[in-house]
Amino acid sequence: MIKAPAAGSIALLGLLLISVFLLWLAAAWTIFQLTLGPSMPSSPADFLHDVFLTGPGEAMIAIGIGTGFLFALLAMMISVVSFPLLIDRDVGLDTAIKASFRAVLANPGPMALWGVVVAACLLAGMALAFVGLMVAVPVLGHATWHLYRKLIAE
């Protein structure tokens, strides 16, 4: 049993991020339905053709990238400081999320760079059948703690 004072808040933050992810999936499905749907392609080759060599496919890519960026930005703004703050200090979930939003808004350049670093590390970690994530995720977790300490704790 987890006895940390913030265990409940951390669990709620996880549920909030799961909700954001589910909304992201729903948005992706809606974008697919509005551009290439409603019928499914008959083969992977047909799907690749439809996505990369047709106008609706290009629209799906453009809208999908923009929408995905907004969801990723929201997830980052919610969590980049919230998780370490909840572990480090006895604060409420609302305070942690507000601090995370403030940190991102006050430091847009470094936070954008951090988002790119996280995305690149996760992509590199997935490159070898997800085995690289065993290194990438702990390294990112450790680096996130140091980012938090520079932004908030010092």
C-alpha atoms as a PDB file:
ATOM      1  CA  MET A   1       0.000   0.000   0.000  1.00  0.00           C
ATOM      2  CA  ILE A   2       1.326   3.428  -0.934  1.00  0.00           C
ATOM      3  CA  LYS A   3       1.391   5.645   2.143  1.00  0.00           C
ATOM      4  CA  ALA A   4       2.672   8.876   0.601  1.00  0.00           C
ATOM      5  CA  PRO A   5       0.392  11.830   1.382  1.00  0.00           C
ATOM      6  CA  ALA A   6       0.092  12.670  -2.311  1.00  0.00           C
ATOM      7  CA  ALA A   7      -0.663   9.122  -3.509  1.00  0.00           C
ATOM      8  CA  GLY A   8      -4.322   9.979  -4.136  1.00  0.00           C
ATOM      9  CA  SER A   9      -3.456  13.162  -6.012  1.00  0.00           C
ATOM     10  CA  ILE A  10      -0.878  11.332  -8.102  1.00  0.00           C
ATOM     11  CA  ALA A  11      -3.470   8.683  -8.973  1.00  0.00           C
ATOM     12  CA  LEU A  12      -6.000  11.387  -9.922  1.00  0.00           C
ATOM     13  CA  LEU A  13      -3.388  13.104 -12.075  1.00  0.00           C
ATOM     14  CA  GLY A  14      -2.759   9.790 -13.807  1.00  0.00           C
ATOM     15  CA  LEU A  15      -6.493   9.384 -14.415  1.00  0.00           C
ATOM     16  CA  LEU A  16      -6.659  12.921 -15.796  1.00  0.00           C
ATOM     17  CA  LEU A  17      -3.863  12.126 -18.243  1.00  0.00           C
ATOM     18  CA  ILE A  18      -5.588   8.880 -19.239  1.00  0.00           C
ATOM     19  CA  SER A  19      -8.715  10.947 -19.939  1.00  0.00           C
ATOM     20  CA  VAL A  20      -6.692  13.340 -22.108  1.00  0.00           C
ATOM     21  CA  PHE A  21      -5.283  10.335 -23.987  1.00  0.00           C
ATOM     22  CA  LEU A  22      -8.758   8.864 -24.555  1.00  0.00           C
ATOM     23  CA  LEU A  23     -10.002  12.219 -25.857  1.00  0.00           C
ATOM     24  CA  TRP A  24      -6.938  12.308 -28.132  1.00  0.00           C
ATOM     25  CA  LEU A  25      -7.852   8.875 -29.511  1.00  0.00           C
ATOM     26  CA  ALA A  26     -11.442   9.997 -30.066  1.00  0.00           C
ATOM     27  CA  ALA A  27     -10.212  13.089 -31.903  1.00  0.00           C
ATOM     28  CA  ALA A  28      -7.901  10.951 -34.064  1.00  0.00           C
ATOM     29  CA  TRP A  29     -10.755   8.607 -34.939  1.00  0.00           C
ATOM     30  CA  THR A  30     -12.996  11.563 -35.787  1.00  0.00           C
ATOM     31  CA  ILE A  31     -10.306  13.072 -38.014  1.00  0.00           C
ATOM     32  CA  PHE A  32      -9.934   9.730 -39.798  1.00  0.00           C
ATOM     33  CA  GLN A  33     -13.693   9.412 -40.255  1.00  0.00           C
ATOM     34  CA  LEU A  34     -13.998  12.951 -41.634  1.00  0.00           C
ATOM     35  CA  THR A  35     -11.106  12.588 -44.064  1.00  0.00           C
ATOM     36  CA  LEU A  36     -10.618   8.961 -45.167  1.00  0.00           C
ATOM     37  CA  GLY A  37     -13.626   7.245 -43.619  1.00  0.00           C
ATOM     38  CA  PRO A  38     -16.104   5.914 -43.087  1.00  0.00           C
ATOM     39  CA  SER A  39     -15.033   2.796 -45.012  1.00  0.00           C
ATOM     40  CA  MET A  40     -11.821   1.047 -44.036  1.00  0.00           C
ATOM     41  CA  PRO A  41      -9.143   0.348 -46.653  1.00  0.00           C
ATOM     42  CA  SER A  42      -9.013  -3.218 -47.937  1.00  0.00           C
ATOM     43  CA  SER A  43      -5.264  -3.669 -47.396  1.00  0.00           C
ATOM     44  CA  PRO A  44      -2.295  -1.963 -45.744  1.00  0.00           C
ATOM     45  CA  ALA A  45      -1.038  -0.961 -49.193  1.00  0.00           C
ATOM     46  CA  ASP A  46      -4.378   0.726 -49.984  1.00  0.00           C
ATOM     47  CA  PHE A  47      -4.261   2.498 -46.642  1.00  0.00           C
ATOM     48  CA  LEU A  48      -0.733   3.813 -47.274  1.00  0.00           C
ATOM     49  CA  HIS A  49      -1.763   4.951 -50.754  1.00  0.00           C
ATOM     50  CA  ASP A  50      -4.849   6.723 -49.395  1.00  0.00           C
ATOM     51  CA  VAL A  51      -2.890   8.435 -46.623  1.00  0.00           C
ATOM     52  CA  PHE A  52       0.150   9.596 -48.574  1.00  0.00           C
ATOM     53  CA  LEU A  53      -1.081   9.997 -52.142  1.00  0.00           C
ATOM     54  CA  THR A  54      -4.545  11.542 -51.878  1.00  0.00           C
ATOM     55  CA  GLY A  55      -5.873  14.944 -50.855  1.00  0.00           C
ATOM     56  CA  PRO A  56      -7.988  13.576 -47.993  1.00  0.00           C
ATOM     57  CA  GLY A  57      -4.958  11.668 -46.703  1.00  0.00           C
ATOM     58  CA  GLU A  58      -2.836  14.792 -46.725  1.00  0.00           C
ATOM     59  CA  ALA A  59      -5.634  16.650 -44.931  1.00  0.00           C
ATOM     60  CA  MET A  60      -5.769  13.870 -42.324  1.00  0.00           C
ATOM     61  CA  ILE A  61      -2.016  14.170 -41.780  1.00  0.00           C
ATOM     62  CA  ALA A  62      -2.094  17.962 -41.436  1.00  0.00           C
ATOM     63  CA  ILE A  63      -5.140  18.077 -39.159  1.00  0.00           C
ATOM     64  CA  GLY A  64      -3.877  15.097 -37.176  1.00  0.00           C
ATOM     65  CA  ILE A  65      -0.462  16.617 -36.567  1.00  0.00           C
ATOM     66  CA  GLY A  66      -1.996  19.911 -35.449  1.00  0.00           C
ATOM     67  CA  THR A  67      -4.508  18.216 -33.179  1.00  0.00           C
ATOM     68  CA  GLY A  68      -1.890  15.840 -31.794  1.00  0.00           C
ATOM     69  CA  PHE A  69       0.388  18.773 -31.033  1.00  0.00           C
ATOM     70  CA  LEU A  70      -2.368  20.486 -29.053  1.00  0.00           C
ATOM     71  CA  PHE A  71      -3.101  17.343 -27.033  1.00  0.00           C
ATOM     72  CA  ALA A  72       0.618  16.752 -26.395  1.00  0.00           C
ATOM     73  CA  LEU A  73       1.002  20.368 -25.291  1.00  0.00           C
ATOM     74  CA  LEU A  74      -1.945  20.000 -22.918  1.00  0.00           C
ATOM     75  CA  ALA A  75      -0.522  16.782 -21.439  1.00  0.00           C
ATOM     76  CA  MET A  76       2.856  18.414 -20.980  1.00  0.00           C
ATOM     77  CA  MET A  77       1.393  21.544 -19.412  1.00  0.00           C
ATOM     78  CA  ILE A  78      -0.631  19.460 -16.981  1.00  0.00           C
ATOM     79  CA  SER A  79       2.151  17.149 -15.888  1.00  0.00           C
ATOM     80  CA  VAL A  80       5.653  18.541 -16.459  1.00  0.00           C
ATOM     81  CA  VAL A  81       5.870  20.029 -12.961  1.00  0.00           C
ATOM     82  CA  SER A  82       2.822  18.448 -11.294  1.00  0.00           C
ATOM     83  CA  PHE A  83       4.196  14.960 -10.679  1.00  0.00           C
ATOM     84  CA  PRO A  84       7.499  16.040  -9.106  1.00  0.00           C
ATOM     85  CA  LEU A  85       5.773  18.805  -7.121  1.00  0.00           C
ATOM     86  CA  LEU A  86       3.280  16.330  -5.652  1.00  0.00           C
ATOM     87  CA  ILE A  87       6.151  14.044  -4.660  1.00  0.00           C
ATOM     88  CA  ASP A  88       8.296  16.859  -3.252  1.00  0.00           C
ATOM     89  CA  ARG A  89       5.766  18.959  -1.352  1.00  0.00           C
ATOM     90  CA  ASP A  90       2.460  18.595   0.416  1.00  0.00           C
ATOM     91  CA  VAL A  91       0.285  20.489  -2.073  1.00  0.00           C
ATOM     92  CA  GLY A  92      -3.083  19.801  -3.609  1.00  0.00           C
ATOM     93  CA  LEU A  93      -3.597  18.573  -7.140  1.00  0.00           C
ATOM     94  CA  ASP A  94      -5.054  21.897  -8.274  1.00  0.00           C
ATOM     95  CA  THR A  95      -2.006  23.754  -6.944  1.00  0.00           C
ATOM     96  CA  ALA A  96       0.361  21.333  -8.683  1.00  0.00           C
ATOM     97  CA  ILE A  97      -1.419  21.648 -12.028  1.00  0.00           C
ATOM     98  CA  LYS A  98      -1.548  25.450 -11.769  1.00  0.00           C
ATOM     99  CA  ALA A  99       2.175  25.533 -10.980  1.00  0.00           C
ATOM    100  CA  SER A 100       2.855  23.319 -13.989  1.00  0.00           C
ATOM    101  CA  PHE A 101       0.876  25.616 -16.307  1.00  0.00           C
ATOM    102  CA  ARG A 102       2.643  28.679 -14.874  1.00  0.00           C
ATOM    103  CA  ALA A 103       6.058  27.074 -15.366  1.00  0.00           C
ATOM    104  CA  VAL A 104       5.344  26.294 -19.021  1.00  0.00           C
ATOM    105  CA  LEU A 105       3.880  29.731 -19.738  1.00  0.00           C
ATOM    106  CA  ALA A 106       6.794  31.496 -18.010  1.00  0.00           C
ATOM    107  CA  ASN A 107       9.425  29.435 -19.871  1.00  0.00           C
ATOM    108  CA  PRO A 108       8.054  28.690 -23.354  1.00  0.00           C
ATOM    109  CA  GLY A 109      11.418  28.278 -25.102  1.00  0.00           C
ATOM    110  CA  PRO A 110      13.034  25.863 -22.640  1.00  0.00           C
ATOM    111  CA  MET A 111       9.768  23.959 -22.248  1.00  0.00           C
ATOM    112  CA  ALA A 112       9.382  23.605 -26.024  1.00  0.00           C
ATOM    113  CA  LEU A 113      12.956  22.297 -26.169  1.00  0.00           C
ATOM    114  CA  TRP A 114      12.159  19.896 -23.317  1.00  0.00           C
ATOM    115  CA  GLY A 115       9.118  18.625 -25.225  1.00  0.00           C
ATOM    116  CA  VAL A 116      11.290  17.971 -28.281  1.00  0.00           C
ATOM    117  CA  VAL A 117      13.896  16.171 -26.143  1.00  0.00           C
ATOM    118  CA  VAL A 118      11.221  13.966 -24.555  1.00  0.00           C
ATOM    119  CA  ALA A 119       9.666  13.132 -27.929  1.00  0.00           C
ATOM    120  CA  ALA A 120      13.079  12.345 -29.465  1.00  0.00           C
ATOM    121  CA  CYS A 121      14.107  10.138 -26.532  1.00  0.00           C
ATOM    122  CA  LEU A 122      10.831   8.226 -26.622  1.00  0.00           C
ATOM    123  CA  LEU A 123      11.100   7.724 -30.394  1.00  0.00           C
ATOM    124  CA  ALA A 124      14.688   6.548 -30.035  1.00  0.00           C
ATOM    125  CA  GLY A 125      13.641   4.278 -27.181  1.00  0.00           C
ATOM    126  CA  MET A 126      10.963   2.686 -29.339  1.00  0.00           C
ATOM    127  CA  ALA A 127      13.282   2.218 -32.314  1.00  0.00           C
ATOM    128  CA  LEU A 128      14.520  -1.180 -31.138  1.00  0.00           C
ATOM    129  CA  ALA A 129      11.187  -2.884 -30.451  1.00  0.00           C
ATOM    130  CA  PHE A 130      10.597  -0.711 -27.347  1.00  0.00           C
ATOM    131  CA  VAL A 131      13.649  -2.164 -25.555  1.00  0.00           C
ATOM    132  CA  GLY A 132      15.312   1.263 -25.532  1.00  0.00           C
ATOM    133  CA  LEU A 133      12.511   2.551 -23.337  1.00  0.00           C
ATOM    134  CA  MET A 134      14.130   0.667 -20.441  1.00  0.00           C
ATOM    135  CA  VAL A 135      16.873   3.287 -20.633  1.00  0.00           C
ATOM    136  CA  ALA A 136      14.965   6.285 -21.973  1.00  0.00           C
ATOM    137  CA  VAL A 137      12.141   6.369 -19.424  1.00  0.00           C
ATOM    138  CA  PRO A 138      14.304   6.329 -16.260  1.00  0.00           C
ATOM    139  CA  VAL A 139      16.679   8.884 -17.790  1.00  0.00           C
ATOM    140  CA  LEU A 140      13.747  11.145 -18.667  1.00  0.00           C
ATOM    141  CA  GLY A 141      12.300  10.699 -15.181  1.00  0.00           C
ATOM    142  CA  HIS A 142      15.609  11.693 -13.599  1.00  0.00           C
ATOM    143  CA  ALA A 143      16.005  14.642 -15.951  1.00  0.00           C
ATOM    144  CA  THR A 144      12.441  15.755 -15.226  1.00  0.00           C
ATOM    145  CA  TRP A 145      13.251  15.856 -11.528  1.00  0.00           C
ATOM    146  CA  HIS A 146      16.222  18.131 -12.217  1.00  0.00           C
ATOM    147  CA  LEU A 147      14.084  20.321 -14.504  1.00  0.00           C
ATOM    148  CA  TYR A 148      11.521  20.641 -11.705  1.00  0.00           C
ATOM    149  CA  ARG A 149      14.233  21.518  -9.177  1.00  0.00           C
ATOM    150  CA  LYS A 150      15.536  24.288 -11.466  1.00  0.00           C
ATOM    151  CA  LEU A 151      12.061  25.681 -12.148  1.00  0.00           C
ATOM    152  CA  ILE A 152      10.286  25.390  -8.810  1.00  0.00           C
ATOM    153  CA  ALA A 153      12.240  24.112  -5.895  1.00  0.00           C
ATOM    154  CA  GLU A 154      15.283  26.380  -5.917  1.00  0.00           C
END
